[in-house]
Amino acid sequence: MSSPHQNKILLFYRDNRRMPTYSEIMKILGFKSKNAVYKLVNKLIEQGIVTKDSSGRLSPLRMIGELPLLGLVEAGIPTVAEEQDLDTISLDDYLISDKSASYMLEVKGESMIDAGIQEGDLVIAMRSTVAKDGDIVIAEVDGGWTMKYYRKTGSKVWLEPANKNFKNIYPEYDLKIGAVVKGVVRKY
């Protein structure tokens, strides 16, 4: 369970991609002395949240929302691989470029399976009223909402499924883009 102080430090880390200095922590948290910061930092070290190097610089050990990035895995012919602790990666930072304009939707149906999007998956969508040809979009077409590839040739627009058992959707009246899909999450 994280504390409000820890959350403020984590927000600084996410925004600046570095840990704050003691002076910055004092300012962020409204502490009156560096001694209070020193006590808090020691508590975070004891909890295994941060570490301090010989020069006193703080480094995250395991930040909330971050997982270790251990290397590559071969999806073709099996090869010898060694685990390497390369870095940590925040799934939010990796999948979401604008948190205030992003949301998740659960997928229902099979019209996008050839794009690797299956029923029950979660898609991460970013609000937008424009899309490029080939983007996967959340669109309102003739009053109903759907997720498909956005296609445009000249002034002609349509929605294309990623499943040969479904037909292209050509709007009779109106097609409005609501969001562009930025990622997919599947839990096994």
N, C-alpha and C. Protein backbone atom coordinates (compact mmCIF):
# COMPACT_ATOMS: atom_id res chain seq x y z
N MET A 1 0.85 -1.18 0.00
CA MET A 1 0.00 0.00 0.00
C MET A 1 0.89 1.24 0.00
N SER A 2 0.67 2.15 -0.90
CA SER A 2 1.51 3.32 -1.01
C SER A 2 0.94 4.48 -0.21
N SER A 3 1.84 5.33 0.28
CA SER A 3 1.44 6.50 1.05
C SER A 3 1.27 7.70 0.11
N PRO A 4 0.58 8.76 0.59
CA PRO A 4 0.45 9.97 -0.24
C PRO A 4 1.82 10.57 -0.58
N HIS A 5 2.77 10.50 0.38
CA HIS A 5 4.12 11.02 0.12
C HIS A 5 4.79 10.21 -0.99
N GLN A 6 4.67 8.90 -0.89
CA GLN A 6 5.27 8.02 -1.90
C GLN A 6 4.64 8.30 -3.26
N ASN A 7 3.33 8.50 -3.31
CA ASN A 7 2.64 8.78 -4.58
C ASN A 7 3.16 10.05 -5.23
N LYS A 8 3.40 11.09 -4.43
CA LYS A 8 3.92 12.35 -4.97
C LYS A 8 5.32 12.16 -5.54
N ILE A 9 6.14 11.35 -4.88
CA ILE A 9 7.49 11.07 -5.38
C ILE A 9 7.41 10.27 -6.67
N LEU A 10 6.47 9.30 -6.71
CA LEU A 10 6.30 8.50 -7.92
C LEU A 10 5.82 9.35 -9.09
N LEU A 11 4.92 10.30 -8.83
CA LEU A 11 4.47 11.20 -9.89
C LEU A 11 5.63 12.02 -10.43
N PHE A 12 6.50 12.50 -9.54
CA PHE A 12 7.69 13.25 -9.98
C PHE A 12 8.54 12.35 -10.89
N TYR A 13 8.75 11.11 -10.44
CA TYR A 13 9.57 10.16 -11.21
C TYR A 13 8.96 9.90 -12.60
N ARG A 14 7.64 9.69 -12.66
CA ARG A 14 6.99 9.44 -13.94
C ARG A 14 7.07 10.65 -14.86
N ASP A 15 6.92 11.85 -14.30
CA ASP A 15 6.95 13.06 -15.11
C ASP A 15 8.35 13.44 -15.58
N ASN A 16 9.35 13.18 -14.74
CA ASN A 16 10.72 13.64 -15.02
C ASN A 16 11.69 12.53 -15.40
N ARG A 17 11.24 11.28 -15.26
CA ARG A 17 12.06 10.11 -15.57
C ARG A 17 13.35 10.07 -14.76
N ARG A 18 13.30 10.66 -13.58
CA ARG A 18 14.39 10.59 -12.61
C ARG A 18 13.81 10.79 -11.22
N MET A 19 14.53 10.33 -10.23
CA MET A 19 14.09 10.53 -8.85
C MET A 19 14.40 11.96 -8.43
N PRO A 20 13.58 12.55 -7.56
CA PRO A 20 13.84 13.90 -7.08
C PRO A 20 15.02 13.93 -6.11
N THR A 21 15.67 15.09 -6.02
CA THR A 21 16.72 15.30 -5.03
C THR A 21 16.05 15.51 -3.67
N TYR A 22 16.85 15.54 -2.60
CA TYR A 22 16.31 15.78 -1.27
C TYR A 22 15.61 17.14 -1.23
N SER A 23 16.22 18.16 -1.84
CA SER A 23 15.60 19.50 -1.86
C SER A 23 14.27 19.48 -2.60
N GLU A 24 14.22 18.74 -3.70
CA GLU A 24 12.98 18.64 -4.47
C GLU A 24 11.91 17.89 -3.68
N ILE A 25 12.30 16.84 -2.96
CA ILE A 25 11.35 16.10 -2.13
C ILE A 25 10.80 17.03 -1.05
N MET A 26 11.68 17.83 -0.44
CA MET A 26 11.25 18.77 0.59
C MET A 26 10.19 19.72 0.03
N LYS A 27 10.42 20.22 -1.17
CA LYS A 27 9.48 21.15 -1.80
C LYS A 27 8.18 20.44 -2.19
N ILE A 28 8.29 19.27 -2.84
CA ILE A 28 7.12 18.51 -3.29
C ILE A 28 6.18 18.18 -2.13
N LEU A 29 6.77 17.77 -1.00
CA LEU A 29 5.98 17.30 0.13
C LEU A 29 5.66 18.40 1.14
N GLY A 30 6.25 19.58 0.95
CA GLY A 30 6.00 20.68 1.88
C GLY A 30 6.69 20.49 3.22
N PHE A 31 7.78 19.70 3.26
CA PHE A 31 8.53 19.51 4.50
C PHE A 31 9.32 20.77 4.81
N LYS A 32 9.55 21.01 6.11
CA LYS A 32 10.27 22.21 6.55
C LYS A 32 11.77 21.96 6.68
N SER A 33 12.17 20.67 6.74
CA SER A 33 13.60 20.38 6.92
C SER A 33 14.02 19.18 6.10
N LYS A 34 15.31 19.16 5.80
CA LYS A 34 15.87 18.00 5.09
C LYS A 34 15.93 16.78 6.00
N ASN A 35 15.92 17.00 7.31
CA ASN A 35 15.92 15.88 8.25
C ASN A 35 14.66 15.03 8.08
N ALA A 36 13.51 15.69 7.87
CA ALA A 36 12.25 14.97 7.64
C ALA A 36 12.34 14.16 6.35
N VAL A 37 12.98 14.74 5.31
CA VAL A 37 13.18 14.04 4.04
C VAL A 37 14.08 12.83 4.26
N TYR A 38 15.15 13.02 5.02
CA TYR A 38 16.10 11.94 5.32
C TYR A 38 15.38 10.76 5.98
N LYS A 39 14.51 11.05 6.93
CA LYS A 39 13.76 9.99 7.62
C LYS A 39 12.82 9.26 6.65
N LEU A 40 12.14 10.02 5.79
CA LEU A 40 11.24 9.42 4.81
C LEU A 40 12.01 8.54 3.83
N VAL A 41 13.14 9.04 3.34
CA VAL A 41 13.96 8.27 2.38
C VAL A 41 14.42 6.96 3.02
N ASN A 42 14.86 7.02 4.28
CA ASN A 42 15.29 5.79 4.96
C ASN A 42 14.14 4.79 5.07
N LYS A 43 12.94 5.30 5.31
CA LYS A 43 11.75 4.43 5.37
C LYS A 43 11.49 3.78 4.00
N LEU A 44 11.62 4.57 2.91
CA LEU A 44 11.42 4.03 1.56
C LEU A 44 12.50 3.00 1.21
N ILE A 45 13.73 3.21 1.71
CA ILE A 45 14.81 2.24 1.48
C ILE A 45 14.49 0.93 2.21
N GLU A 46 14.03 1.05 3.48
CA GLU A 46 13.66 -0.14 4.27
C GLU A 46 12.54 -0.93 3.60
N GLN A 47 11.59 -0.21 2.95
CA GLN A 47 10.47 -0.86 2.29
C GLN A 47 10.84 -1.44 0.93
N GLY A 48 12.08 -1.21 0.49
CA GLY A 48 12.52 -1.75 -0.80
C GLY A 48 11.98 -1.00 -2.00
N ILE A 49 11.61 0.27 -1.81
CA ILE A 49 11.05 1.05 -2.90
C ILE A 49 12.14 1.81 -3.64
N VAL A 50 13.12 2.31 -2.88
CA VAL A 50 14.25 3.03 -3.49
C VAL A 50 15.56 2.51 -2.92
N THR A 51 16.64 2.85 -3.60
CA THR A 51 17.98 2.58 -3.11
C THR A 51 18.78 3.86 -3.25
N LYS A 52 19.89 3.93 -2.50
CA LYS A 52 20.73 5.12 -2.53
C LYS A 52 22.14 4.69 -2.88
N ASP A 53 22.76 5.36 -3.89
CA ASP A 53 24.14 5.00 -4.25
C ASP A 53 25.13 5.74 -3.34
N SER A 54 26.43 5.52 -3.57
CA SER A 54 27.46 6.08 -2.69
C SER A 54 27.48 7.60 -2.68
N SER A 55 26.96 8.23 -3.75
CA SER A 55 26.91 9.70 -3.78
C SER A 55 25.60 10.23 -3.21
N GLY A 56 24.73 9.35 -2.72
CA GLY A 56 23.47 9.77 -2.12
C GLY A 56 22.32 9.91 -3.10
N ARG A 57 22.57 9.58 -4.37
CA ARG A 57 21.53 9.69 -5.39
C ARG A 57 20.55 8.53 -5.25
N LEU A 58 19.26 8.87 -5.33
CA LEU A 58 18.21 7.86 -5.20
C LEU A 58 17.92 7.20 -6.54
N SER A 59 17.59 5.91 -6.48
CA SER A 59 17.18 5.16 -7.67
C SER A 59 15.99 4.30 -7.30
N PRO A 60 15.05 4.16 -8.21
CA PRO A 60 13.90 3.29 -7.90
C PRO A 60 14.31 1.83 -7.95
N LEU A 61 13.79 1.04 -7.03
CA LEU A 61 13.99 -0.41 -7.12
C LEU A 61 12.82 -1.02 -7.85
N ARG A 62 11.63 -0.79 -7.34
CA ARG A 62 10.43 -1.28 -8.00
C ARG A 62 9.35 -0.24 -7.79
N MET A 63 9.11 0.53 -8.83
CA MET A 63 8.10 1.57 -8.74
C MET A 63 6.74 0.94 -9.03
N ILE A 64 5.69 1.50 -8.47
CA ILE A 64 4.34 1.01 -8.72
C ILE A 64 4.04 1.17 -10.21
N GLY A 65 3.53 0.13 -10.82
CA GLY A 65 3.18 0.21 -12.23
C GLY A 65 4.35 -0.12 -13.14
N GLU A 66 5.50 -0.49 -12.58
CA GLU A 66 6.64 -0.84 -13.41
C GLU A 66 7.01 -2.30 -13.17
N LEU A 67 7.45 -2.92 -14.24
CA LEU A 67 7.90 -4.31 -14.18
C LEU A 67 9.30 -4.38 -14.74
N PRO A 68 10.11 -5.37 -14.32
CA PRO A 68 11.44 -5.49 -14.90
C PRO A 68 11.36 -5.89 -16.38
N LEU A 69 12.20 -5.29 -17.20
CA LEU A 69 12.33 -5.65 -18.61
C LEU A 69 13.57 -6.53 -18.69
N LEU A 70 13.38 -7.82 -18.95
CA LEU A 70 14.47 -8.77 -18.83
C LEU A 70 15.18 -9.10 -20.14
N GLY A 71 14.66 -8.71 -21.27
CA GLY A 71 15.33 -8.99 -22.53
C GLY A 71 14.34 -9.38 -23.60
N LEU A 72 14.83 -10.15 -24.57
CA LEU A 72 14.02 -10.56 -25.71
C LEU A 72 13.72 -12.04 -25.63
N VAL A 73 12.60 -12.45 -26.22
CA VAL A 73 12.28 -13.86 -26.31
C VAL A 73 12.06 -14.18 -27.78
N GLU A 74 12.63 -15.27 -28.23
CA GLU A 74 12.52 -15.70 -29.63
C GLU A 74 11.14 -16.30 -29.87
N ALA A 75 10.46 -15.80 -30.90
CA ALA A 75 9.15 -16.35 -31.25
C ALA A 75 9.26 -17.25 -32.48
N GLY A 76 10.46 -17.47 -32.94
CA GLY A 76 10.69 -18.33 -34.08
C GLY A 76 11.38 -19.60 -33.63
N ILE A 77 12.58 -19.85 -34.13
CA ILE A 77 13.37 -21.02 -33.76
C ILE A 77 13.93 -20.81 -32.36
N PRO A 78 13.81 -21.81 -31.47
CA PRO A 78 14.33 -21.65 -30.11
C PRO A 78 15.84 -21.37 -30.11
N THR A 79 16.25 -20.41 -29.30
CA THR A 79 17.66 -20.07 -29.16
C THR A 79 18.00 -19.99 -27.69
N VAL A 80 19.29 -20.06 -27.39
CA VAL A 80 19.75 -19.92 -26.01
C VAL A 80 19.55 -18.47 -25.61
N ALA A 81 18.94 -18.27 -24.46
CA ALA A 81 18.70 -16.91 -23.98
C ALA A 81 19.08 -16.83 -22.52
N GLU A 82 19.66 -15.71 -22.15
CA GLU A 82 19.99 -15.47 -20.76
C GLU A 82 19.14 -14.33 -20.25
N GLU A 83 18.71 -14.45 -19.01
CA GLU A 83 17.93 -13.37 -18.41
C GLU A 83 18.87 -12.21 -18.13
N GLN A 84 18.49 -11.04 -18.61
CA GLN A 84 19.27 -9.83 -18.38
C GLN A 84 18.33 -8.80 -17.79
N ASP A 85 18.73 -8.21 -16.69
CA ASP A 85 17.90 -7.15 -16.10
C ASP A 85 18.24 -5.86 -16.82
N LEU A 86 17.52 -5.57 -17.93
CA LEU A 86 17.84 -4.42 -18.77
C LEU A 86 17.37 -3.11 -18.18
N ASP A 87 16.19 -3.10 -17.59
CA ASP A 87 15.59 -1.84 -17.15
C ASP A 87 14.26 -2.18 -16.50
N THR A 88 13.49 -1.17 -16.19
CA THR A 88 12.10 -1.40 -15.83
C THR A 88 11.25 -0.65 -16.86
N ILE A 89 10.03 -1.09 -16.99
CA ILE A 89 9.14 -0.45 -17.94
C ILE A 89 7.78 -0.26 -17.28
N SER A 90 7.24 0.92 -17.44
CA SER A 90 5.91 1.21 -16.93
C SER A 90 4.93 0.90 -18.05
N LEU A 91 3.96 0.06 -17.77
CA LEU A 91 2.98 -0.27 -18.80
C LEU A 91 2.18 0.96 -19.21
N ASP A 92 1.91 1.85 -18.26
CA ASP A 92 1.23 3.10 -18.61
C ASP A 92 2.04 3.91 -19.61
N ASP A 93 3.35 4.07 -19.33
CA ASP A 93 4.19 4.85 -20.24
C ASP A 93 4.31 4.18 -21.61
N TYR A 94 4.34 2.85 -21.61
CA TYR A 94 4.50 2.11 -22.87
C TYR A 94 3.24 2.16 -23.73
N LEU A 95 2.09 2.06 -23.11
CA LEU A 95 0.83 1.95 -23.85
C LEU A 95 0.05 3.24 -23.99
N ILE A 96 0.27 4.20 -23.09
CA ILE A 96 -0.59 5.39 -23.06
C ILE A 96 0.25 6.65 -23.20
N SER A 97 0.03 7.38 -24.29
CA SER A 97 0.78 8.62 -24.49
C SER A 97 0.06 9.83 -23.89
N ASP A 98 -1.26 9.79 -23.79
CA ASP A 98 -2.03 10.90 -23.22
C ASP A 98 -3.10 10.31 -22.32
N LYS A 99 -2.78 10.24 -21.03
CA LYS A 99 -3.68 9.57 -20.08
C LYS A 99 -5.06 10.22 -20.01
N SER A 100 -5.12 11.56 -20.13
CA SER A 100 -6.40 12.25 -20.00
C SER A 100 -7.33 11.97 -21.18
N ALA A 101 -6.77 11.57 -22.33
CA ALA A 101 -7.59 11.31 -23.52
C ALA A 101 -7.75 9.81 -23.79
N SER A 102 -7.27 8.98 -22.88
CA SER A 102 -7.27 7.53 -23.13
C SER A 102 -8.27 6.80 -22.24
N TYR A 103 -8.76 5.69 -22.75
CA TYR A 103 -9.66 4.84 -21.98
C TYR A 103 -9.54 3.42 -22.51
N MET A 104 -10.14 2.47 -21.79
CA MET A 104 -10.11 1.07 -22.19
C MET A 104 -11.52 0.58 -22.48
N LEU A 105 -11.62 -0.34 -23.43
CA LEU A 105 -12.89 -0.97 -23.78
C LEU A 105 -12.68 -2.48 -23.85
N GLU A 106 -13.67 -3.24 -23.41
CA GLU A 106 -13.61 -4.69 -23.57
C GLU A 106 -14.18 -5.05 -24.94
N VAL A 107 -13.50 -5.95 -25.63
CA VAL A 107 -13.88 -6.33 -26.99
C VAL A 107 -14.97 -7.39 -26.94
N LYS A 108 -16.00 -7.18 -27.77
CA LYS A 108 -17.06 -8.17 -27.94
C LYS A 108 -17.14 -8.45 -29.44
N GLY A 109 -17.12 -9.70 -29.81
CA GLY A 109 -17.20 -10.08 -31.21
C GLY A 109 -15.86 -10.50 -31.79
N GLU A 110 -15.89 -10.97 -33.04
CA GLU A 110 -14.70 -11.57 -33.66
C GLU A 110 -14.28 -10.88 -34.95
N SER A 111 -14.77 -9.67 -35.20
CA SER A 111 -14.48 -9.04 -36.49
C SER A 111 -13.04 -8.54 -36.63
N MET A 112 -12.25 -8.56 -35.54
CA MET A 112 -10.88 -8.04 -35.61
C MET A 112 -9.84 -9.10 -35.24
N ILE A 113 -10.22 -10.38 -35.33
CA ILE A 113 -9.30 -11.44 -34.88
C ILE A 113 -8.03 -11.53 -35.72
N ASP A 114 -8.09 -11.21 -37.01
CA ASP A 114 -6.88 -11.28 -37.83
C ASP A 114 -5.93 -10.11 -37.57
N ALA A 115 -6.37 -9.14 -36.78
CA ALA A 115 -5.50 -8.05 -36.31
C ALA A 115 -4.96 -8.40 -34.92
N GLY A 116 -5.26 -9.61 -34.44
CA GLY A 116 -4.79 -10.04 -33.14
C GLY A 116 -5.64 -9.54 -31.99
N ILE A 117 -6.86 -9.12 -32.28
CA ILE A 117 -7.76 -8.60 -31.24
C ILE A 117 -8.92 -9.58 -31.11
N GLN A 118 -9.01 -10.22 -29.94
CA GLN A 118 -10.01 -11.27 -29.72
C GLN A 118 -11.07 -10.83 -28.72
N GLU A 119 -12.20 -11.52 -28.76
CA GLU A 119 -13.27 -11.25 -27.78
C GLU A 119 -12.71 -11.42 -26.37
N GLY A 120 -13.04 -10.47 -25.49
CA GLY A 120 -12.55 -10.50 -24.11
C GLY A 120 -11.29 -9.69 -23.90
N ASP A 121 -10.56 -9.35 -24.99
CA ASP A 121 -9.38 -8.49 -24.86
C ASP A 121 -9.82 -7.10 -24.43
N LEU A 122 -8.89 -6.34 -23.90
CA LEU A 122 -9.11 -4.93 -23.62
C LEU A 122 -8.31 -4.13 -24.63
N VAL A 123 -8.93 -3.13 -25.25
CA VAL A 123 -8.19 -2.24 -26.13
C VAL A 123 -8.03 -0.90 -25.44
N ILE A 124 -6.88 -0.29 -25.66
CA ILE A 124 -6.60 1.05 -25.15
C ILE A 124 -6.83 1.99 -26.31
N ALA A 125 -7.74 2.92 -26.12
CA ALA A 125 -8.13 3.85 -27.18
C ALA A 125 -7.84 5.28 -26.73
N MET A 126 -7.42 6.12 -27.68
CA MET A 126 -7.20 7.52 -27.41
C MET A 126 -8.21 8.34 -28.19
N ARG A 127 -8.96 9.18 -27.48
CA ARG A 127 -9.98 10.02 -28.11
C ARG A 127 -9.38 10.82 -29.26
N SER A 128 -10.06 10.78 -30.39
CA SER A 128 -9.63 11.53 -31.57
C SER A 128 -10.80 11.58 -32.54
N THR A 129 -10.89 12.66 -33.27
CA THR A 129 -11.94 12.76 -34.30
C THR A 129 -11.37 12.55 -35.69
N VAL A 130 -10.05 12.32 -35.76
CA VAL A 130 -9.39 12.07 -37.05
C VAL A 130 -8.60 10.78 -36.96
N ALA A 131 -8.42 10.15 -38.11
CA ALA A 131 -7.65 8.92 -38.20
C ALA A 131 -6.96 8.87 -39.55
N LYS A 132 -5.89 8.07 -39.60
CA LYS A 132 -5.20 7.83 -40.86
C LYS A 132 -5.68 6.51 -41.46
N ASP A 133 -5.58 6.40 -42.77
CA ASP A 133 -5.91 5.15 -43.44
C ASP A 133 -5.09 4.02 -42.80
N GLY A 134 -5.77 2.97 -42.38
CA GLY A 134 -5.09 1.83 -41.76
C GLY A 134 -5.13 1.82 -40.25
N ASP A 135 -5.51 2.94 -39.61
CA ASP A 135 -5.66 2.96 -38.15
C ASP A 135 -6.84 2.08 -37.74
N ILE A 136 -6.72 1.44 -36.59
CA ILE A 136 -7.88 0.77 -36.00
C ILE A 136 -8.60 1.82 -35.18
N VAL A 137 -9.89 1.99 -35.44
CA VAL A 137 -10.65 3.07 -34.81
C VAL A 137 -11.87 2.55 -34.08
N ILE A 138 -12.33 3.37 -33.15
CA ILE A 138 -13.64 3.21 -32.55
C ILE A 138 -14.48 4.28 -33.26
N ALA A 139 -15.48 3.86 -34.01
CA ALA A 139 -16.22 4.80 -34.85
C ALA A 139 -17.72 4.60 -34.71
N GLU A 140 -18.43 5.71 -34.89
CA GLU A 140 -19.88 5.68 -34.94
C GLU A 140 -20.26 5.74 -36.41
N VAL A 141 -20.92 4.69 -36.86
CA VAL A 141 -21.34 4.64 -38.26
C VAL A 141 -22.85 4.47 -38.30
N ASP A 142 -23.52 5.43 -38.91
CA ASP A 142 -24.98 5.43 -39.03
C ASP A 142 -25.69 5.16 -37.70
N GLY A 143 -25.13 5.74 -36.62
CA GLY A 143 -25.77 5.64 -35.30
C GLY A 143 -25.31 4.51 -34.42
N GLY A 144 -24.48 3.58 -34.92
CA GLY A 144 -23.98 2.47 -34.11
C GLY A 144 -22.47 2.53 -33.99
N TRP A 145 -21.95 2.05 -32.86
CA TRP A 145 -20.51 2.09 -32.61
C TRP A 145 -19.86 0.74 -32.93
N THR A 146 -18.64 0.79 -33.46
CA THR A 146 -17.90 -0.43 -33.80
C THR A 146 -16.40 -0.14 -33.79
N MET A 147 -15.61 -1.21 -33.79
CA MET A 147 -14.15 -1.11 -33.90
C MET A 147 -13.73 -1.81 -35.20
N LYS A 148 -13.07 -1.09 -36.07
CA LYS A 148 -12.62 -1.64 -37.35
C LYS A 148 -11.41 -0.85 -37.84
N TYR A 149 -10.80 -1.33 -38.93
CA TYR A 149 -9.79 -0.54 -39.63
C TYR A 149 -10.49 0.63 -40.33
N TYR A 150 -9.90 1.80 -40.26
CA TYR A 150 -10.40 2.97 -40.98
C TYR A 150 -9.74 2.98 -42.35
N ARG A 151 -10.53 3.08 -43.38
CA ARG A 151 -10.01 3.11 -44.76
C ARG A 151 -10.49 4.36 -45.46
N LYS A 152 -9.60 4.96 -46.23
CA LYS A 152 -9.95 6.17 -46.98
C LYS A 152 -9.17 6.20 -48.29
N THR A 153 -9.91 6.40 -49.37
CA THR A 153 -9.33 6.59 -50.69
C THR A 153 -10.01 7.81 -51.29
N GLY A 154 -9.24 8.88 -51.48
CA GLY A 154 -9.85 10.13 -51.96
C GLY A 154 -10.84 10.63 -50.93
N SER A 155 -12.09 10.84 -51.35
CA SER A 155 -13.12 11.29 -50.42
C SER A 155 -13.97 10.13 -49.90
N LYS A 156 -13.69 8.91 -50.36
CA LYS A 156 -14.46 7.74 -49.97
C LYS A 156 -13.87 7.12 -48.69
N VAL A 157 -14.72 6.92 -47.67
CA VAL A 157 -14.29 6.30 -46.42
C VAL A 157 -15.17 5.09 -46.11
N TRP A 158 -14.57 4.10 -45.45
CA TRP A 158 -15.31 2.93 -45.01
C TRP A 158 -14.56 2.28 -43.87
N LEU A 159 -15.19 1.29 -43.25
CA LEU A 159 -14.59 0.52 -42.16
C LEU A 159 -14.38 -0.91 -42.63
N GLU A 160 -13.19 -1.43 -42.34
CA GLU A 160 -12.83 -2.77 -42.81
C GLU A 160 -12.55 -3.69 -41.62
N PRO A 161 -13.23 -4.82 -41.56
CA PRO A 161 -12.97 -5.78 -40.48
C PRO A 161 -11.66 -6.54 -40.74
N ALA A 162 -11.15 -7.18 -39.70
CA ALA A 162 -9.97 -8.01 -39.83
C ALA A 162 -10.40 -9.47 -39.66
N ASN A 163 -11.39 -9.86 -40.46
CA ASN A 163 -11.90 -11.22 -40.44
C ASN A 163 -12.67 -11.39 -41.75
N LYS A 164 -12.24 -12.35 -42.56
CA LYS A 164 -12.84 -12.52 -43.89
C LYS A 164 -14.33 -12.89 -43.85
N ASN A 165 -14.83 -13.31 -42.69
CA ASN A 165 -16.25 -13.66 -42.56
C ASN A 165 -17.16 -12.44 -42.37
N PHE A 166 -16.56 -11.26 -42.28
CA PHE A 166 -17.33 -10.03 -42.11
C PHE A 166 -17.12 -9.14 -43.32
N LYS A 167 -18.11 -8.29 -43.61
CA LYS A 167 -18.05 -7.41 -44.77
C LYS A 167 -17.62 -6.00 -44.37
N ASN A 168 -17.06 -5.28 -45.34
CA ASN A 168 -16.76 -3.87 -45.14
C ASN A 168 -18.04 -3.11 -44.79
N ILE A 169 -17.88 -2.05 -44.03
CA ILE A 169 -19.03 -1.20 -43.67
C ILE A 169 -18.86 0.14 -44.37
N TYR A 170 -19.80 0.43 -45.28
CA TYR A 170 -19.82 1.71 -45.98
C TYR A 170 -20.94 2.54 -45.37
N PRO A 171 -20.63 3.71 -44.81
CA PRO A 171 -21.69 4.49 -44.16
C PRO A 171 -22.73 4.97 -45.15
N GLU A 172 -24.00 4.83 -44.77
CA GLU A 172 -25.08 5.36 -45.60
C GLU A 172 -25.26 6.85 -45.36
N TYR A 173 -25.12 7.27 -44.08
CA TYR A 173 -25.37 8.65 -43.72
C TYR A 173 -24.14 9.32 -43.11
N ASP A 174 -23.53 8.65 -42.11
CA ASP A 174 -22.54 9.35 -41.32
C ASP A 174 -21.51 8.37 -40.75
N LEU A 175 -20.26 8.82 -40.69
CA LEU A 175 -19.20 8.06 -40.03
C LEU A 175 -18.38 9.06 -39.23
N LYS A 176 -18.34 8.86 -37.90
CA LYS A 176 -17.59 9.74 -37.01
C LYS A 176 -16.56 8.92 -36.25
N ILE A 177 -15.33 9.39 -36.26
CA ILE A 177 -14.27 8.75 -35.47
C ILE A 177 -14.40 9.22 -34.03
N GLY A 178 -14.38 8.28 -33.10
CA GLY A 178 -14.43 8.62 -31.68
C GLY A 178 -13.09 8.44 -31.00
N ALA A 179 -12.29 7.47 -31.51
CA ALA A 179 -10.99 7.18 -30.90
C ALA A 179 -10.16 6.33 -31.85
N VAL A 180 -8.85 6.33 -31.62
CA VAL A 180 -7.92 5.48 -32.35
C VAL A 180 -7.36 4.47 -31.35
N VAL A 181 -7.35 3.19 -31.72
CA VAL A 181 -6.85 2.14 -30.84
C VAL A 181 -5.32 2.20 -30.83
N LYS A 182 -4.75 2.20 -29.60
CA LYS A 182 -3.30 2.33 -29.42
C LYS A 182 -2.66 1.06 -28.89
N GLY A 183 -3.46 0.15 -28.34
CA GLY A 183 -2.88 -1.07 -27.80
C GLY A 183 -3.96 -2.07 -27.44
N VAL A 184 -3.52 -3.28 -27.20
CA VAL A 184 -4.45 -4.34 -26.80
C VAL A 184 -3.81 -5.09 -25.62
N VAL A 185 -4.66 -5.47 -24.66
CA VAL A 185 -4.21 -6.20 -23.49
C VAL A 185 -5.00 -7.48 -23.39
N ARG A 186 -4.28 -8.59 -23.24
CA ARG A 186 -4.94 -9.90 -23.11
C ARG A 186 -4.42 -10.57 -21.86
N LYS A 187 -5.33 -11.08 -21.05
CA LYS A 187 -4.96 -11.78 -19.84
C LYS A 187 -5.23 -13.26 -20.06
N TYR A 188 -4.27 -14.10 -19.75
CA TYR A 188 -4.43 -15.55 -19.91
C TYR A 188 -4.76 -16.20 -18.60
